């Protein structure tokens, strides 16, 4: 049996930058066995051509693939949705690569992406490539995703502590992107169980530490939380911000 409808909000902001290379979306799909909600955030790579094109393509492709393939599923169980989300990421990767090869102005397109499928039974399937993140927030803030970044590798190697990684000058260097052949997403599952699911680009973390994010999440309701996170992050962030 489905619980009450999932409440969602989203906002993307250029921050101090002239343009916004982030993209995001929230989409609801009806299936005979229940509603499935897709949430997705993509962050076009700065310094690469047409970052805003890459992020928009990735979000649009994941949305279209989810809509088309969900209609063909006999069930909306965890394994079926994991396969669907993995395929959607791989198709987004194919589309971004093909666009970069076809259009000289978009050569070298790339973007990070994090996406989640949430069912009416509070099950979440989360996929990501790059350093856009997913969190569960309740009394604590729990990071669901593990960054594909050089500083995360340094943390894993014991060179940096997690706290040092958050302010390291190399923290924006990603090691995996949508736009590179052979990339597949990391897929994890979790349950809401009263928590909030937060997806964000790294611009949010550029302006707020995790304790600050948790404090804001506990302070504001829906949909005000998106505005609050953006406005507080804008005080320090040097990047586009999407939540």
Protein backbone atom coordinates (compact mmCIF):
# COMPACT_ATOMS: atom_id res chain seq x y z
CA UNK A 1 0.00 0.00 0.00
CA UNK A 2 1.30 3.45 -0.89
CA UNK A 3 1.77 6.08 1.78
CA UNK A 4 0.79 9.73 1.32
CA UNK A 5 2.25 11.31 -1.86
CA UNK A 6 5.91 12.23 -1.77
CA UNK A 7 6.39 15.98 -1.34
CA UNK A 8 9.16 17.45 -3.45
CA UNK A 9 10.76 20.80 -4.19
CA UNK A 10 13.70 21.92 -6.28
CA UNK A 11 15.68 25.02 -7.13
CA UNK A 12 18.75 25.77 -9.23
CA UNK A 13 20.67 29.04 -9.05
CA UNK A 14 23.65 30.48 -10.94
CA UNK A 15 25.10 31.85 -7.70
CA UNK A 16 27.91 34.33 -8.35
CA UNK A 17 28.50 33.02 -11.88
CA UNK A 18 27.15 34.58 -15.04
CA UNK A 19 25.60 31.36 -16.36
CA UNK A 20 24.16 28.21 -14.84
CA UNK A 21 25.62 24.90 -16.00
CA UNK A 22 23.49 22.85 -13.56
CA UNK A 23 20.22 21.18 -14.52
CA UNK A 24 17.63 19.32 -12.49
CA UNK A 25 14.14 17.91 -12.56
CA UNK A 26 11.43 16.13 -10.57
CA UNK A 27 9.09 13.82 -12.48
CA UNK A 28 6.19 11.61 -11.39
CA UNK A 29 5.29 8.48 -13.35
CA UNK A 30 2.22 6.34 -12.85
CA UNK A 31 2.58 2.58 -12.98
CA UNK A 32 -0.22 0.04 -12.36
CA UNK A 33 1.61 -0.98 -9.17
CA UNK A 34 2.15 2.56 -7.89
CA UNK A 35 3.67 5.97 -8.52
CA UNK A 36 7.42 6.29 -9.04
CA UNK A 37 9.11 9.66 -8.59
CA UNK A 38 12.36 10.53 -10.38
CA UNK A 39 14.64 13.21 -8.95
CA UNK A 40 17.77 14.16 -10.88
CA UNK A 41 20.57 16.74 -10.61
CA UNK A 42 23.37 17.22 -13.17
CA UNK A 43 26.32 19.59 -13.00
CA UNK A 44 27.97 20.44 -16.34
CA UNK A 45 31.73 20.45 -16.03
CA UNK A 46 33.28 23.87 -15.70
CA UNK A 47 36.08 24.50 -18.16
CA UNK A 48 34.54 22.08 -20.65
CA UNK A 49 32.57 23.20 -23.71
CA UNK A 50 28.85 23.82 -23.25
CA UNK A 51 28.49 22.46 -19.74
CA UNK A 52 24.87 23.60 -19.67
CA UNK A 53 24.20 21.49 -22.78
CA UNK A 54 25.68 18.36 -21.19
CA UNK A 55 23.70 18.69 -17.96
CA UNK A 56 20.41 19.43 -19.73
CA UNK A 57 20.91 16.49 -22.12
CA UNK A 58 21.66 14.13 -19.24
CA UNK A 59 18.57 15.15 -17.25
CA UNK A 60 16.29 15.00 -20.30
CA UNK A 61 17.59 11.59 -21.36
CA UNK A 62 17.20 10.03 -17.90
CA UNK A 63 13.64 11.38 -17.73
CA UNK A 64 12.67 10.04 -21.16
CA UNK A 65 14.26 6.62 -20.63
CA UNK A 66 12.61 6.26 -17.22
CA UNK A 67 9.20 7.13 -18.63
CA UNK A 68 9.52 4.75 -21.57
CA UNK A 69 11.00 1.75 -19.77
CA UNK A 70 8.92 2.06 -16.61
CA UNK A 71 5.79 1.54 -18.71
CA UNK A 72 7.23 -1.80 -19.86
CA UNK A 73 8.02 -3.15 -16.38
CA UNK A 74 5.89 -5.89 -14.86
CA UNK A 75 6.89 -4.74 -11.37
CA UNK A 76 8.47 -1.78 -9.60
CA UNK A 77 10.66 -3.83 -7.30
CA UNK A 78 14.19 -2.90 -6.31
CA UNK A 79 16.00 -5.04 -8.87
CA UNK A 80 13.83 -3.86 -11.76
CA UNK A 81 14.32 -0.21 -10.85
CA UNK A 82 18.07 -0.66 -10.36
CA UNK A 83 18.38 -2.05 -13.88
CA UNK A 84 16.19 0.75 -15.24
CA UNK A 85 18.25 3.49 -13.57
CA UNK A 86 21.56 1.98 -14.67
CA UNK A 87 20.32 1.82 -18.27
CA UNK A 88 19.09 5.43 -18.07
CA UNK A 89 22.55 6.60 -16.97
CA UNK A 90 24.25 4.61 -19.72
CA UNK A 91 21.88 6.05 -22.30
CA UNK A 92 22.55 9.56 -21.00
CA UNK A 93 26.25 8.85 -21.36
CA UNK A 94 25.74 7.69 -24.94
CA UNK A 95 23.70 10.78 -25.86
CA UNK A 96 26.20 13.22 -24.33
CA UNK A 97 29.12 11.53 -26.10
CA UNK A 98 27.27 11.44 -29.42
CA UNK A 99 26.36 15.12 -29.18
CA UNK A 100 29.95 16.05 -28.45
CA UNK A 101 31.17 14.09 -31.45
CA UNK A 102 28.50 15.46 -33.77
CA UNK A 103 28.80 19.16 -32.88
CA UNK A 104 32.24 20.78 -32.98
CA UNK A 105 31.06 23.46 -30.51
CA UNK A 106 30.26 20.73 -27.96
CA UNK A 107 33.40 18.62 -28.33
CA UNK A 108 34.39 17.24 -24.92
CA UNK A 109 30.95 17.55 -23.29
CA UNK A 110 30.79 16.27 -19.74
CA UNK A 111 28.61 16.41 -16.64
CA UNK A 112 28.22 14.82 -13.24
CA UNK A 113 24.82 13.40 -12.33
CA UNK A 114 22.93 12.00 -9.36
CA UNK A 115 19.41 10.60 -9.67
CA UNK A 116 16.93 8.76 -7.48
CA UNK A 117 13.83 6.66 -8.10
CA UNK A 118 11.48 6.74 -5.11
CA UNK A 119 8.47 4.43 -4.80
CA UNK A 120 5.29 4.79 -2.80
CA UNK A 121 6.66 2.28 -0.29
CA UNK A 122 9.56 4.64 0.62
CA UNK A 123 12.18 2.65 -1.31
CA UNK A 124 14.90 4.77 -2.95
CA UNK A 125 17.22 3.66 -5.73
CA UNK A 126 20.05 6.17 -6.11
CA UNK A 127 22.60 6.31 -8.92
CA UNK A 128 25.48 8.73 -9.46
CA UNK A 129 28.54 9.50 -11.52
CA UNK A 130 30.88 12.26 -10.36
CA UNK A 131 30.61 14.40 -7.24
CA UNK A 132 26.98 15.50 -7.18
CA UNK A 133 25.62 13.97 -3.98
CA UNK A 134 22.62 12.36 -2.31
CA UNK A 135 21.92 12.58 1.42
CA UNK A 136 19.31 11.30 3.85
CA UNK A 137 18.49 13.87 6.52
CA UNK A 138 16.66 13.32 9.79
CA UNK A 139 18.34 13.76 13.18
CA UNK A 140 21.61 13.15 11.35
CA UNK A 141 22.87 13.76 7.83
CA UNK A 142 23.88 10.54 6.09
CA UNK A 143 25.68 10.72 2.75
CA UNK A 144 24.39 8.00 0.43
CA UNK A 145 26.81 8.55 -2.44
CA UNK A 146 30.60 8.35 -2.55
CA UNK A 147 32.25 11.03 -4.67
CA UNK A 148 34.10 10.01 -7.80
CA UNK A 149 36.86 12.53 -7.18
CA UNK A 150 40.59 12.76 -6.59
CA UNK A 151 40.19 13.93 -3.00
CA UNK A 152 37.87 10.99 -2.22
CA UNK A 153 40.60 8.68 -3.51
CA UNK A 154 43.06 10.47 -1.22
CA UNK A 155 40.69 9.92 1.72
CA UNK A 156 40.43 6.24 0.82
CA UNK A 157 44.23 6.03 0.69
CA UNK A 158 44.52 7.64 4.13
CA UNK A 159 46.24 10.74 2.76
CA UNK A 160 43.42 13.10 3.76
CA UNK A 161 40.76 13.09 6.46
CA UNK A 162 37.15 13.64 5.35
CA UNK A 163 37.26 17.10 6.95
CA UNK A 164 40.43 18.01 5.04
CA UNK A 165 38.88 16.77 1.79
CA UNK A 166 35.96 19.20 2.11
CA UNK A 167 38.25 22.23 1.78
CA UNK A 168 41.08 20.76 -0.33
CA UNK A 169 42.00 22.80 -3.45
CA UNK A 170 41.62 19.67 -5.63
CA UNK A 171 38.14 18.84 -4.35
CA UNK A 172 36.47 19.77 -7.67
CA UNK A 173 38.55 17.36 -9.76
CA UNK A 174 36.25 14.47 -10.70
CA UNK A 175 37.48 11.08 -11.86
CA UNK A 176 34.28 9.83 -13.52
CA UNK A 177 31.82 11.74 -15.69
CA UNK A 178 28.82 11.36 -17.97
CA UNK A 179 30.51 11.93 -21.33
CA UNK A 180 33.24 9.30 -21.18
CA UNK A 181 32.95 5.91 -22.86
CA UNK A 182 32.28 2.91 -20.64
CA UNK A 183 31.01 4.84 -17.62
CA UNK A 184 28.37 3.16 -15.47
CA UNK A 185 26.76 4.61 -12.35
CA UNK A 186 27.21 3.42 -8.81
CA UNK A 187 23.76 2.27 -7.65
CA UNK A 188 22.71 2.08 -3.99
CA UNK A 189 19.36 1.54 -2.27
CA UNK A 190 17.90 3.01 0.89
CA UNK A 191 14.57 3.75 2.56
CA UNK A 192 13.11 7.11 3.50
CA UNK A 193 11.37 5.97 6.71
CA UNK A 194 10.60 9.56 7.70
CA UNK A 195 13.87 11.05 6.45
CA UNK A 196 14.25 13.61 3.69
CA UNK A 197 16.19 12.79 0.54
CA UNK A 198 18.47 15.61 -0.65
CA UNK A 199 20.14 15.63 -4.05
CA UNK A 200 22.59 18.45 -4.77
CA UNK A 201 25.36 19.69 -7.01
CA UNK A 202 28.75 20.35 -5.43
CA UNK A 203 28.00 24.08 -5.42
CA UNK A 204 25.94 23.52 -2.27
CA UNK A 205 28.96 21.99 -0.53
CA UNK A 206 31.15 24.84 -1.77
CA UNK A 207 29.03 27.18 0.33
CA UNK A 208 27.94 25.03 3.30
CA UNK A 209 29.46 22.29 5.42
CA UNK A 210 27.44 19.19 6.21
CA UNK A 211 26.58 20.40 9.76
CA UNK A 212 25.18 23.61 8.24
CA UNK A 213 23.15 21.62 5.72
CA UNK A 214 21.68 19.46 8.50
CA UNK A 215 20.79 22.53 10.57
CA UNK A 216 18.97 24.05 7.61
CA UNK A 217 17.17 20.79 6.84
CA UNK A 218 15.91 20.67 10.43
CA UNK A 219 14.89 24.32 10.39
CA UNK A 220 12.70 24.63 7.30
CA UNK A 221 9.74 22.77 5.87
CA UNK A 222 8.68 22.06 2.30
CA UNK A 223 9.11 23.81 -0.08
CA UNK A 224 10.93 26.55 1.85
CA UNK A 225 13.95 24.31 2.45
CA UNK A 226 15.18 24.68 -1.14
CA UNK A 227 15.21 28.48 -0.92
CA UNK A 228 16.91 28.39 2.48
CA UNK A 229 19.70 26.06 1.32
CA UNK A 230 20.34 28.13 -1.80
CA UNK A 231 20.39 31.46 0.00
CA UNK A 232 22.76 30.25 2.72
CA UNK A 233 25.08 28.55 0.25
CA UNK A 234 25.21 31.68 -1.93
CA UNK A 235 26.98 33.54 0.88
CA UNK A 236 30.20 31.56 0.27
CA UNK A 237 29.77 29.34 -2.79
CA UNK A 238 31.67 30.22 -5.95
CA UNK A 239 29.67 27.82 -8.08
CA UNK A 240 26.18 27.16 -9.43
CA UNK A 241 23.96 25.63 -6.73
CA UNK A 242 21.19 23.08 -7.22
CA UNK A 243 19.10 21.22 -4.66
